[in-house]
């Protein structure tokens, strides 16, 4: 049983030893920008949603 576990984990050990780790490229900050709104013409709910979106963008992208 121990031999089966050792053989079964061999691919994982080889994968880790070779440094083959997935690369993630996040392009969200290049693709999206803060949103503008009209405080006098947009609904309060729309203004709130835009402000939340812009705050998240600031936290992640600035």
PDB file of N, CA and C in Angstrom:
ATOM      1  N   UNK A   1       0.822  -1.200   0.000  1.00  0.00           N
ATOM      2  CA  UNK A   1       0.000   0.000   0.000  1.00  0.00           C
ATOM      3  C   UNK A   1       0.859   1.254   0.000  1.00  0.00           C
ATOM      4  N   UNK A   2       1.941   1.256   0.772  1.00  0.00           N
ATOM      5  CA  UNK A   2       2.827   2.416   0.825  1.00  0.00           C
ATOM      6  C   UNK A   2       3.463   2.669  -0.528  1.00  0.00           C
ATOM      7  N   UNK A   3       3.790   1.606  -1.234  1.00  0.00           N
ATOM      8  CA  UNK A   3       4.405   1.760  -2.554  1.00  0.00           C
ATOM      9  C   UNK A   3       3.429   2.409  -3.540  1.00  0.00           C
ATOM     10  N   UNK A   4       2.155   2.061  -3.457  1.00  0.00           N
ATOM     11  CA  UNK A   4       1.152   2.643  -4.345  1.00  0.00           C
ATOM     12  C   UNK A   4       1.027   4.143  -4.077  1.00  0.00           C
ATOM     13  N   UNK A   5       1.045   4.540  -2.815  1.00  0.00           N
ATOM     14  CA  UNK A   5       0.959   5.957  -2.473  1.00  0.00           C
ATOM     15  C   UNK A   5       2.186   6.703  -2.974  1.00  0.00           C
ATOM     16  N   UNK A   6       3.367   6.101  -2.806  1.00  0.00           N
ATOM     17  CA  UNK A   6       4.605   6.734  -3.257  1.00  0.00           C
ATOM     18  C   UNK A   6       4.609   6.903  -4.771  1.00  0.00           C
ATOM     19  N   UNK A   7       4.187   5.893  -5.490  1.00  0.00           N
ATOM     20  CA  UNK A   7       4.153   5.972  -6.956  1.00  0.00           C
ATOM     21  C   UNK A   7       3.085   6.978  -7.401  1.00  0.00           C
ATOM     22  N   UNK A   8       1.963   7.000  -6.713  1.00  0.00           N
ATOM     23  CA  UNK A   8       0.886   7.919  -7.058  1.00  0.00           C
ATOM     24  C   UNK A   8       1.258   9.374  -6.842  1.00  0.00           C
ATOM     25  N   UNK A   9       2.133   9.648  -5.892  1.00  0.00           N
ATOM     26  CA  UNK A   9       2.521  11.026  -5.621  1.00  0.00           C
ATOM     27  C   UNK A   9       3.730  11.472  -6.424  1.00  0.00           C
ATOM     28  N   UNK A  10       4.335  10.573  -7.169  1.00  0.00           N
ATOM     29  CA  UNK A  10       5.523  10.908  -7.961  1.00  0.00           C
ATOM     30  C   UNK A  10       5.285  12.038  -8.956  1.00  0.00           C
ATOM     31  N   UNK A  11       4.195  12.042  -9.718  1.00  0.00           N
ATOM     32  CA  UNK A  11       3.991  13.171 -10.650  1.00  0.00           C
ATOM     33  C   UNK A  11       3.924  14.525  -9.944  1.00  0.00           C
ATOM     34  N   UNK A  12       3.314  14.562  -8.766  1.00  0.00           N
ATOM     35  CA  UNK A  12       3.233  15.826  -8.021  1.00  0.00           C
ATOM     36  C   UNK A  12       4.612  16.287  -7.589  1.00  0.00           C
ATOM     37  N   UNK A  13       5.448  15.358  -7.157  1.00  0.00           N
ATOM     38  CA  UNK A  13       6.805  15.707  -6.733  1.00  0.00           C
ATOM     39  C   UNK A  13       7.611  16.222  -7.924  1.00  0.00           C
ATOM     40  N   UNK A  14       7.490  15.578  -9.051  1.00  0.00           N
ATOM     41  CA  UNK A  14       8.207  16.020 -10.255  1.00  0.00           C
ATOM     42  C   UNK A  14       7.718  17.403 -10.683  1.00  0.00           C
ATOM     43  N   UNK A  15       6.413  17.611 -10.640  1.00  0.00           N
ATOM     44  CA  UNK A  15       5.837  18.903 -11.025  1.00  0.00           C
ATOM     45  C   UNK A  15       6.359  20.012 -10.131  1.00  0.00           C
ATOM     46  N   UNK A  16       6.403  19.771  -8.817  1.00  0.00           N
ATOM     47  CA  UNK A  16       6.899  20.774  -7.883  1.00  0.00           C
ATOM     48  C   UNK A  16       8.400  20.998  -8.040  1.00  0.00           C
ATOM     49  N   UNK A  17       9.144  19.933  -8.283  1.00  0.00           N
ATOM     50  CA  UNK A  17      10.603  20.035  -8.385  1.00  0.00           C
ATOM     51  C   UNK A  17      11.035  20.796  -9.633  1.00  0.00           C
ATOM     52  N   UNK A  18      10.249  20.746 -10.690  1.00  0.00           N
ATOM     53  CA  UNK A  18      10.640  21.420 -11.931  1.00  0.00           C
ATOM     54  C   UNK A  18      10.223  22.890 -11.951  1.00  0.00           C
ATOM     55  N   UNK A  19       9.463  23.302 -10.963  1.00  0.00           N
ATOM     56  CA  UNK A  19       9.057  24.698 -10.905  1.00  0.00           C
ATOM     57  C   UNK A  19       7.931  25.042 -11.859  1.00  0.00           C
ATOM     58  N   UNK A  20       7.224  24.064 -12.331  1.00  0.00           N
ATOM     59  CA  UNK A  20       6.111  24.307 -13.250  1.00  0.00           C
ATOM     60  C   UNK A  20       4.894  24.748 -12.455  1.00  0.00           C
ATOM     61  N   UNK A  21       4.814  26.003 -12.215  1.00  0.00           N
ATOM     62  CA  UNK A  21       3.652  26.535 -11.512  1.00  0.00           C
ATOM     63  C   UNK A  21       2.876  27.406 -12.478  1.00  0.00           C
ATOM     64  N   UNK A  22       1.564  27.368 -12.376  1.00  0.00           N
ATOM     65  CA  UNK A  22       0.769  28.179 -13.310  1.00  0.00           C
ATOM     66  C   UNK A  22       1.003  29.664 -13.099  1.00  0.00           C
ATOM     67  N   UNK A  23       1.027  30.395 -14.182  1.00  0.00           N
ATOM     68  CA  UNK A  23       1.190  31.840 -14.133  1.00  0.00           C
ATOM     69  C   UNK A  23      -0.152  32.501 -14.416  1.00  0.00           C
ATOM     70  N   UNK A  24      -0.546  33.416 -13.550  1.00  0.00           N
ATOM     71  CA  UNK A  24      -1.803  34.132 -13.734  1.00  0.00           C
ATOM     72  C   UNK A  24      -1.467  35.582 -14.058  1.00  0.00           C
ATOM     73  N   UNK A  25      -1.991  36.057 -15.158  1.00  0.00           N
ATOM     74  CA  UNK A  25      -1.780  37.441 -15.567  1.00  0.00           C
ATOM     75  C   UNK A  25      -3.102  38.176 -15.397  1.00  0.00           C
ATOM     76  N   UNK A  26      -3.126  39.106 -14.465  1.00  0.00           N
ATOM     77  CA  UNK A  26      -4.340  39.872 -14.184  1.00  0.00           C
ATOM     78  C   UNK A  26      -4.276  41.190 -14.943  1.00  0.00           C
ATOM     79  N   UNK A  27      -5.141  41.322 -15.929  1.00  0.00           N
ATOM     80  CA  UNK A  27      -5.156  42.539 -16.747  1.00  0.00           C
ATOM     81  C   UNK A  27      -6.344  43.429 -16.421  1.00  0.00           C
ATOM     82  N   UNK A  28      -7.039  43.146 -15.314  1.00  0.00           N
ATOM     83  CA  UNK A  28      -8.241  43.909 -14.980  1.00  0.00           C
ATOM     84  C   UNK A  28      -7.939  45.395 -14.825  1.00  0.00           C
ATOM     85  N   UNK A  29      -6.817  45.722 -14.193  1.00  0.00           N
ATOM     86  CA  UNK A  29      -6.499  47.134 -13.965  1.00  0.00           C
ATOM     87  C   UNK A  29      -6.142  47.856 -15.265  1.00  0.00           C
ATOM     88  N   UNK A  30      -5.760  47.106 -16.280  1.00  0.00           N
ATOM     89  CA  UNK A  30      -5.474  47.711 -17.574  1.00  0.00           C
ATOM     90  C   UNK A  30      -6.744  47.816 -18.421  1.00  0.00           C
ATOM     91  N   UNK A  31      -7.715  46.966 -18.123  1.00  0.00           N
ATOM     92  CA  UNK A  31      -8.925  46.902 -18.937  1.00  0.00           C
ATOM     93  C   UNK A  31     -10.047  47.789 -18.429  1.00  0.00           C
ATOM     94  N   UNK A  32     -10.087  48.015 -17.113  1.00  0.00           N
ATOM     95  CA  UNK A  32     -11.188  48.760 -16.518  1.00  0.00           C
ATOM     96  C   UNK A  32     -10.681  50.026 -15.853  1.00  0.00           C
ATOM     97  N   UNK A  33     -11.542  51.013 -15.768  1.00  0.00           N
ATOM     98  CA  UNK A  33     -11.206  52.282 -15.119  1.00  0.00           C
ATOM     99  C   UNK A  33     -12.360  52.680 -14.204  1.00  0.00           C
ATOM    100  N   UNK A  34     -12.143  53.668 -13.344  1.00  0.00           N
ATOM    101  CA  UNK A  34     -13.252  54.146 -12.528  1.00  0.00           C
ATOM    102  C   UNK A  34     -14.403  54.656 -13.413  1.00  0.00           C
ATOM    103  N   UNK A  35     -15.609  54.594 -12.877  1.00  0.00           N
ATOM    104  CA  UNK A  35     -16.812  54.999 -13.602  1.00  0.00           C
ATOM    105  C   UNK A  35     -17.241  56.382 -13.114  1.00  0.00           C
ATOM    106  N   UNK A  36     -17.667  57.211 -14.036  1.00  0.00           N
ATOM    107  CA  UNK A  36     -18.194  58.528 -13.655  1.00  0.00           C
ATOM    108  C   UNK A  36     -19.717  58.437 -13.542  1.00  0.00           C
ATOM    109  N   UNK A  37     -20.293  59.354 -12.807  1.00  0.00           N
ATOM    110  CA  UNK A  37     -21.739  59.372 -12.623  1.00  0.00           C
ATOM    111  C   UNK A  37     -22.198  60.807 -12.399  1.00  0.00           C
ATOM    112  N   UNK A  38     -23.488  60.996 -12.476  1.00  0.00           N
ATOM    113  CA  UNK A  38     -24.078  62.303 -12.215  1.00  0.00           C
ATOM    114  C   UNK A  38     -24.840  62.222 -10.896  1.00  0.00           C
ATOM    115  N   UNK A  39     -24.358  62.930  -9.887  1.00  0.00           N
ATOM    116  CA  UNK A  39     -25.016  62.909  -8.580  1.00  0.00           C
ATOM    117  C   UNK A  39     -26.424  63.486  -8.663  1.00  0.00           C
ATOM    118  N   UNK A  40     -26.683  64.343  -9.629  1.00  0.00           N
ATOM    119  CA  UNK A  40     -28.008  64.964  -9.727  1.00  0.00           C
ATOM    120  C   UNK A  40     -28.960  64.197 -10.651  1.00  0.00           C
ATOM    121  N   UNK A  41     -28.433  63.405 -11.590  1.00  0.00           N
ATOM    122  CA  UNK A  41     -29.316  62.728 -12.543  1.00  0.00           C
ATOM    123  C   UNK A  41     -29.397  61.218 -12.359  1.00  0.00           C
ATOM    124  N   UNK A  42     -28.436  60.613 -11.670  1.00  0.00           N
ATOM    125  CA  UNK A  42     -28.493  59.175 -11.420  1.00  0.00           C
ATOM    126  C   UNK A  42     -29.217  58.909 -10.105  1.00  0.00           C
ATOM    127  N   UNK A  43     -29.798  57.719 -10.001  1.00  0.00           N
ATOM    128  CA  UNK A  43     -30.506  57.370  -8.767  1.00  0.00           C
ATOM    129  C   UNK A  43     -29.491  57.154  -7.643  1.00  0.00           C
ATOM    130  N   UNK A  44     -29.916  57.330  -6.413  1.00  0.00           N
ATOM    131  CA  UNK A  44     -29.003  57.093  -5.291  1.00  0.00           C
ATOM    132  C   UNK A  44     -28.401  55.681  -5.300  1.00  0.00           C
ATOM    133  N   UNK A  45     -29.184  54.681  -5.726  1.00  0.00           N
ATOM    134  CA  UNK A  45     -28.677  53.313  -5.795  1.00  0.00           C
ATOM    135  C   UNK A  45     -27.572  53.193  -6.846  1.00  0.00           C
ATOM    136  N   UNK A  46     -27.754  53.840  -7.987  1.00  0.00           N
ATOM    137  CA  UNK A  46     -26.720  53.814  -9.031  1.00  0.00           C
ATOM    138  C   UNK A  46     -25.448  54.491  -8.539  1.00  0.00           C
ATOM    139  N   UNK A  47     -25.585  55.639  -7.895  1.00  0.00           N
ATOM    140  CA  UNK A  47     -24.424  56.359  -7.362  1.00  0.00           C
ATOM    141  C   UNK A  47     -23.688  55.483  -6.348  1.00  0.00           C
ATOM    142  N   UNK A  48     -24.442  54.798  -5.481  1.00  0.00           N
ATOM    143  CA  UNK A  48     -23.829  53.922  -4.487  1.00  0.00           C
ATOM    144  C   UNK A  48     -23.058  52.782  -5.147  1.00  0.00           C
ATOM    145  N   UNK A  49     -23.647  52.160  -6.155  1.00  0.00           N
ATOM    146  CA  UNK A  49     -22.981  51.060  -6.851  1.00  0.00           C
ATOM    147  C   UNK A  49     -21.714  51.545  -7.556  1.00  0.00           C
ATOM    148  N   UNK A  50     -21.768  52.701  -8.174  1.00  0.00           N
ATOM    149  CA  UNK A  50     -20.596  53.250  -8.860  1.00  0.00           C
ATOM    150  C   UNK A  50     -19.500  53.574  -7.841  1.00  0.00           C
ATOM    151  N   UNK A  51     -19.880  54.159  -6.727  1.00  0.00           N
ATOM    152  CA  UNK A  51     -18.891  54.479  -5.689  1.00  0.00           C
ATOM    153  C   UNK A  51     -18.232  53.207  -5.150  1.00  0.00           C
ATOM    154  N   UNK A  52     -19.021  52.151  -4.970  1.00  0.00           N
ATOM    155  CA  UNK A  52     -18.452  50.873  -4.503  1.00  0.00           C
ATOM    156  C   UNK A  52     -17.501  50.290  -5.535  1.00  0.00           C
ATOM    157  N   UNK A  53     -17.893  50.339  -6.797  1.00  0.00           N
ATOM    158  CA  UNK A  53     -17.019  49.852  -7.864  1.00  0.00           C
ATOM    159  C   UNK A  53     -15.708  50.639  -7.872  1.00  0.00           C
ATOM    160  N   UNK A  54     -15.809  51.955  -7.803  1.00  0.00           N
ATOM    161  CA  UNK A  54     -14.617  52.804  -7.848  1.00  0.00           C
ATOM    162  C   UNK A  54     -13.732  52.582  -6.622  1.00  0.00           C
ATOM    163  N   UNK A  55     -14.330  52.351  -5.457  1.00  0.00           N
ATOM    164  CA  UNK A  55     -13.539  52.080  -4.253  1.00  0.00           C
ATOM    165  C   UNK A  55     -12.794  50.750  -4.398  1.00  0.00           C
ATOM    166  N   UNK A  56     -13.442  49.749  -4.968  1.00  0.00           N
ATOM    167  CA  UNK A  56     -12.774  48.463  -5.198  1.00  0.00           C
ATOM    168  C   UNK A  56     -11.635  48.628  -6.197  1.00  0.00           C
ATOM    169  N   UNK A  57     -11.871  49.387  -7.255  1.00  0.00           N
ATOM    170  CA  UNK A  57     -10.817  49.625  -8.246  1.00  0.00           C
ATOM    171  C   UNK A  57      -9.632  50.326  -7.595  1.00  0.00           C
ATOM    172  N   UNK A  58      -9.905  51.355  -6.761  1.00  0.00           N
ATOM    173  CA  UNK A  58      -8.831  52.064  -6.058  1.00  0.00           C
ATOM    174  C   UNK A  58      -8.026  51.117  -5.179  1.00  0.00           C
ATOM    175  N   UNK A  59      -8.714  50.245  -4.460  1.00  0.00           N
ATOM    176  CA  UNK A  59      -8.037  49.323  -3.540  1.00  0.00           C
ATOM    177  C   UNK A  59      -7.155  48.324  -4.269  1.00  0.00           C
ATOM    178  N   UNK A  60      -7.592  47.890  -5.441  1.00  0.00           N
ATOM    179  CA  UNK A  60      -6.851  46.866  -6.171  1.00  0.00           C
ATOM    180  C   UNK A  60      -5.815  47.451  -7.124  1.00  0.00           C
ATOM    181  N   UNK A  61      -6.142  48.543  -7.772  1.00  0.00           N
ATOM    182  CA  UNK A  61      -5.327  49.021  -8.889  1.00  0.00           C
ATOM    183  C   UNK A  61      -4.433  50.210  -8.596  1.00  0.00           C
ATOM    184  N   UNK A  62      -4.630  50.901  -7.499  1.00  0.00           N
ATOM    185  CA  UNK A  62      -3.775  52.066  -7.246  1.00  0.00           C
ATOM    186  C   UNK A  62      -2.549  51.685  -6.493  1.00  0.00           C
TER     187      UNK A  62
END
